[in-house]
N, C-alpha and C. Protein backbone atom coordinates (compact mmCIF):
# COMPACT_ATOMS: atom_id res chain seq x y z
N UNK A 1 -23.22 -27.78 44.52
CA UNK A 1 -22.54 -28.88 44.97
C UNK A 1 -22.31 -29.81 43.70
N UNK A 2 -21.05 -30.15 43.41
CA UNK A 2 -20.80 -31.03 42.30
C UNK A 2 -20.77 -32.48 42.67
N UNK A 3 -21.34 -33.26 41.73
CA UNK A 3 -21.34 -34.71 41.98
C UNK A 3 -20.05 -35.35 41.42
N UNK A 4 -20.01 -36.64 41.74
CA UNK A 4 -18.85 -37.42 41.26
C UNK A 4 -18.77 -37.54 39.78
N UNK A 5 -19.92 -37.57 39.11
CA UNK A 5 -20.03 -37.65 37.57
C UNK A 5 -19.42 -36.31 37.03
N UNK A 6 -19.77 -35.21 37.58
CA UNK A 6 -19.20 -33.95 37.05
C UNK A 6 -17.70 -33.94 37.24
N UNK A 7 -17.13 -34.38 38.37
CA UNK A 7 -15.73 -34.49 38.60
C UNK A 7 -15.15 -35.41 37.54
N UNK A 8 -15.72 -36.49 37.28
CA UNK A 8 -15.21 -37.44 36.28
C UNK A 8 -15.01 -36.84 34.96
N UNK A 9 -16.18 -36.22 34.43
CA UNK A 9 -16.04 -35.55 33.14
C UNK A 9 -15.06 -34.37 33.04
N UNK A 10 -15.06 -33.63 34.14
CA UNK A 10 -14.02 -32.54 34.13
C UNK A 10 -12.64 -33.02 34.11
N UNK A 11 -12.31 -34.05 34.91
CA UNK A 11 -11.04 -34.59 34.91
C UNK A 11 -10.64 -35.30 33.70
N UNK A 12 -11.69 -36.00 33.04
CA UNK A 12 -11.42 -36.66 31.82
C UNK A 12 -11.13 -35.61 30.71
N UNK A 13 -11.78 -34.43 30.75
CA UNK A 13 -11.50 -33.39 29.75
C UNK A 13 -10.07 -32.79 29.91
N UNK A 14 -9.76 -32.64 31.10
CA UNK A 14 -8.40 -32.09 31.44
C UNK A 14 -7.33 -33.08 30.88
N UNK A 15 -7.44 -34.36 31.22
CA UNK A 15 -6.47 -35.36 30.78
C UNK A 15 -6.46 -35.57 29.26
N UNK A 16 -7.57 -35.47 28.71
CA UNK A 16 -7.67 -35.53 27.20
C UNK A 16 -6.94 -34.37 26.56
N UNK A 17 -7.21 -33.21 27.02
CA UNK A 17 -6.50 -31.99 26.52
C UNK A 17 -4.98 -32.02 26.74
N UNK A 18 -4.55 -32.54 27.85
CA UNK A 18 -3.17 -32.75 28.12
C UNK A 18 -2.53 -33.70 27.22
N UNK A 19 -3.21 -34.79 26.97
CA UNK A 19 -2.70 -35.84 26.08
C UNK A 19 -2.63 -35.26 24.63
N UNK A 20 -3.55 -34.54 24.16
CA UNK A 20 -3.50 -33.92 22.80
C UNK A 20 -2.34 -32.97 22.69
N UNK A 21 -2.10 -32.21 23.72
CA UNK A 21 -0.91 -31.25 23.65
C UNK A 21 0.38 -32.06 23.55
N UNK A 22 0.47 -33.12 24.26
CA UNK A 22 1.75 -33.87 24.28
C UNK A 22 1.92 -34.61 22.98
N UNK A 23 0.81 -34.97 22.39
CA UNK A 23 0.89 -35.72 21.10
C UNK A 23 1.50 -34.92 19.99
N UNK A 24 1.16 -33.59 20.03
CA UNK A 24 1.68 -32.66 18.98
C UNK A 24 3.15 -32.44 19.20
N UNK A 25 3.70 -32.56 20.29
CA UNK A 25 5.18 -32.40 20.52
C UNK A 25 5.94 -33.59 20.04
N UNK A 26 5.36 -34.80 19.96
CA UNK A 26 6.05 -35.95 19.42
C UNK A 26 5.25 -36.58 18.37
N UNK A 27 5.49 -36.18 17.17
CA UNK A 27 4.66 -36.73 15.99
C UNK A 27 5.11 -38.21 15.67
N UNK A 28 6.21 -38.62 16.13
CA UNK A 28 6.65 -40.01 16.00
C UNK A 28 5.65 -40.89 16.77
N UNK A 29 5.21 -40.40 17.86
CA UNK A 29 4.20 -41.20 18.72
C UNK A 29 2.92 -41.37 17.92
N UNK A 30 2.45 -40.36 17.29
CA UNK A 30 1.22 -40.34 16.56
C UNK A 30 1.30 -41.37 15.42
N UNK A 31 2.50 -41.39 14.71
CA UNK A 31 2.66 -42.28 13.55
C UNK A 31 2.80 -43.75 14.10
N UNK A 32 3.43 -43.90 15.28
CA UNK A 32 3.59 -45.18 15.87
C UNK A 32 2.20 -45.71 16.24
N UNK A 33 1.41 -44.94 16.87
CA UNK A 33 0.05 -45.33 17.30
C UNK A 33 -0.78 -45.74 16.11
N UNK A 34 -0.67 -45.05 14.97
CA UNK A 34 -1.53 -45.34 13.89
C UNK A 34 -0.97 -46.50 13.02
N UNK A 35 0.38 -46.52 12.79
CA UNK A 35 0.91 -47.50 11.87
C UNK A 35 1.16 -48.86 12.42
N UNK A 36 1.44 -48.91 13.76
CA UNK A 36 1.73 -50.19 14.33
C UNK A 36 0.58 -51.20 14.33
N UNK A 37 -0.68 -50.76 14.63
CA UNK A 37 -1.78 -51.69 14.52
C UNK A 37 -2.00 -52.13 13.05
N UNK A 38 -1.94 -51.25 12.09
CA UNK A 38 -2.08 -51.61 10.73
C UNK A 38 -0.97 -52.56 10.27
N UNK A 39 0.26 -52.41 10.72
CA UNK A 39 1.42 -53.25 10.31
C UNK A 39 1.11 -54.70 10.96
N UNK A 40 0.69 -54.73 12.22
CA UNK A 40 0.44 -56.07 12.81
C UNK A 40 -0.72 -56.72 12.13
N UNK A 41 -1.74 -56.02 11.72
CA UNK A 41 -2.89 -56.63 10.98
C UNK A 41 -2.46 -57.25 9.64
N UNK A 42 -1.56 -56.44 8.95
CA UNK A 42 -1.09 -57.03 7.74
C UNK A 42 -0.24 -58.16 7.85
N UNK A 43 0.64 -58.16 8.95
CA UNK A 43 1.50 -59.34 9.26
C UNK A 43 0.65 -60.54 9.48
N UNK A 44 -0.36 -60.45 10.34
CA UNK A 44 -1.14 -61.59 10.64
C UNK A 44 -2.06 -62.07 9.41
N UNK A 45 -2.43 -61.10 8.63
CA UNK A 45 -3.31 -61.44 7.54
C UNK A 45 -2.68 -62.09 6.43
N UNK A 46 -1.48 -61.59 6.05
CA UNK A 46 -0.76 -62.14 4.85
C UNK A 46 0.20 -63.24 5.17
N UNK A 47 1.02 -62.97 6.28
CA UNK A 47 2.03 -63.99 6.59
C UNK A 47 1.44 -65.26 7.26
N UNK A 48 0.71 -65.03 8.37
CA UNK A 48 0.11 -66.19 9.05
C UNK A 48 -1.16 -66.70 8.36
N UNK A 49 -1.90 -65.84 7.68
CA UNK A 49 -3.08 -66.23 6.97
C UNK A 49 -2.74 -67.11 5.80
N UNK A 50 -1.68 -66.75 5.10
CA UNK A 50 -1.17 -67.55 3.96
C UNK A 50 -0.67 -68.93 4.43
N UNK A 51 -0.11 -68.96 5.62
CA UNK A 51 0.35 -70.27 6.16
C UNK A 51 -0.79 -71.16 6.40
N UNK A 52 -1.82 -70.60 6.97
CA UNK A 52 -3.03 -71.39 7.31
C UNK A 52 -3.71 -71.92 6.05
N UNK A 53 -3.79 -71.14 4.98
CA UNK A 53 -4.35 -71.55 3.71
C UNK A 53 -3.52 -72.69 3.10
N UNK A 54 -2.19 -72.59 3.19
CA UNK A 54 -1.37 -73.66 2.62
C UNK A 54 -1.57 -74.91 3.41
N UNK A 55 -1.63 -74.78 4.69
CA UNK A 55 -1.87 -76.04 5.48
C UNK A 55 -3.22 -76.69 5.27
N UNK A 56 -4.25 -75.83 5.02
CA UNK A 56 -5.54 -76.30 4.66
C UNK A 56 -5.46 -77.09 3.34
N UNK A 57 -4.76 -76.57 2.44
CA UNK A 57 -4.65 -77.29 1.12
C UNK A 57 -3.91 -78.60 1.29
N UNK A 58 -2.84 -78.64 2.07
CA UNK A 58 -2.09 -79.84 2.37
C UNK A 58 -3.04 -80.82 2.97
N UNK A 59 -3.80 -80.40 3.96
CA UNK A 59 -4.69 -81.36 4.70
C UNK A 59 -5.76 -81.90 3.77
N UNK A 60 -6.28 -81.07 2.89
CA UNK A 60 -7.34 -81.50 1.91
C UNK A 60 -6.72 -82.61 1.05
N UNK A 61 -5.51 -82.46 0.60
CA UNK A 61 -5.01 -83.43 -0.28
C UNK A 61 -4.67 -84.81 0.43
N UNK A 62 -4.28 -84.65 1.65
CA UNK A 62 -3.99 -85.82 2.45
C UNK A 62 -5.19 -86.60 2.92
N UNK A 63 -6.33 -85.90 3.04
CA UNK A 63 -7.55 -86.62 3.56
C UNK A 63 -8.46 -86.91 2.47
N UNK A 64 -8.10 -86.65 1.22
CA UNK A 64 -8.99 -86.90 0.11
C UNK A 64 -9.10 -88.46 -0.13
N UNK A 65 -10.29 -88.92 -0.32
CA UNK A 65 -10.52 -90.34 -0.53
C UNK A 65 -10.27 -90.59 -2.00
N UNK A 66 -9.62 -91.73 -2.29
CA UNK A 66 -9.38 -92.05 -3.71
C UNK A 66 -10.67 -92.35 -4.32
N UNK A 67 -10.70 -92.01 -5.68
CA UNK A 67 -11.92 -92.37 -6.50
C UNK A 67 -12.01 -93.85 -6.88
N UNK A 68 -13.11 -94.45 -6.77
CA UNK A 68 -13.24 -95.86 -7.21
C UNK A 68 -13.54 -95.90 -8.63
N UNK A 69 -12.85 -96.78 -9.35
CA UNK A 69 -13.21 -96.88 -10.91
C UNK A 69 -13.65 -98.19 -11.15
């Protein structure tokens, strides 16, 4: 008598195998899956990260207290 856990792992193995067979048919899907997260990370890191650093520099110059002489 099989338990629910055995069914779960057997079904998961079947679906994983089916997904792997379909991925070889469409290599553009594999490249999209791997390159899209990397491209998004680079976009947020360099484009939006650079903007935040520039804003931080502007805020630092605006809030700097003048030196007393």
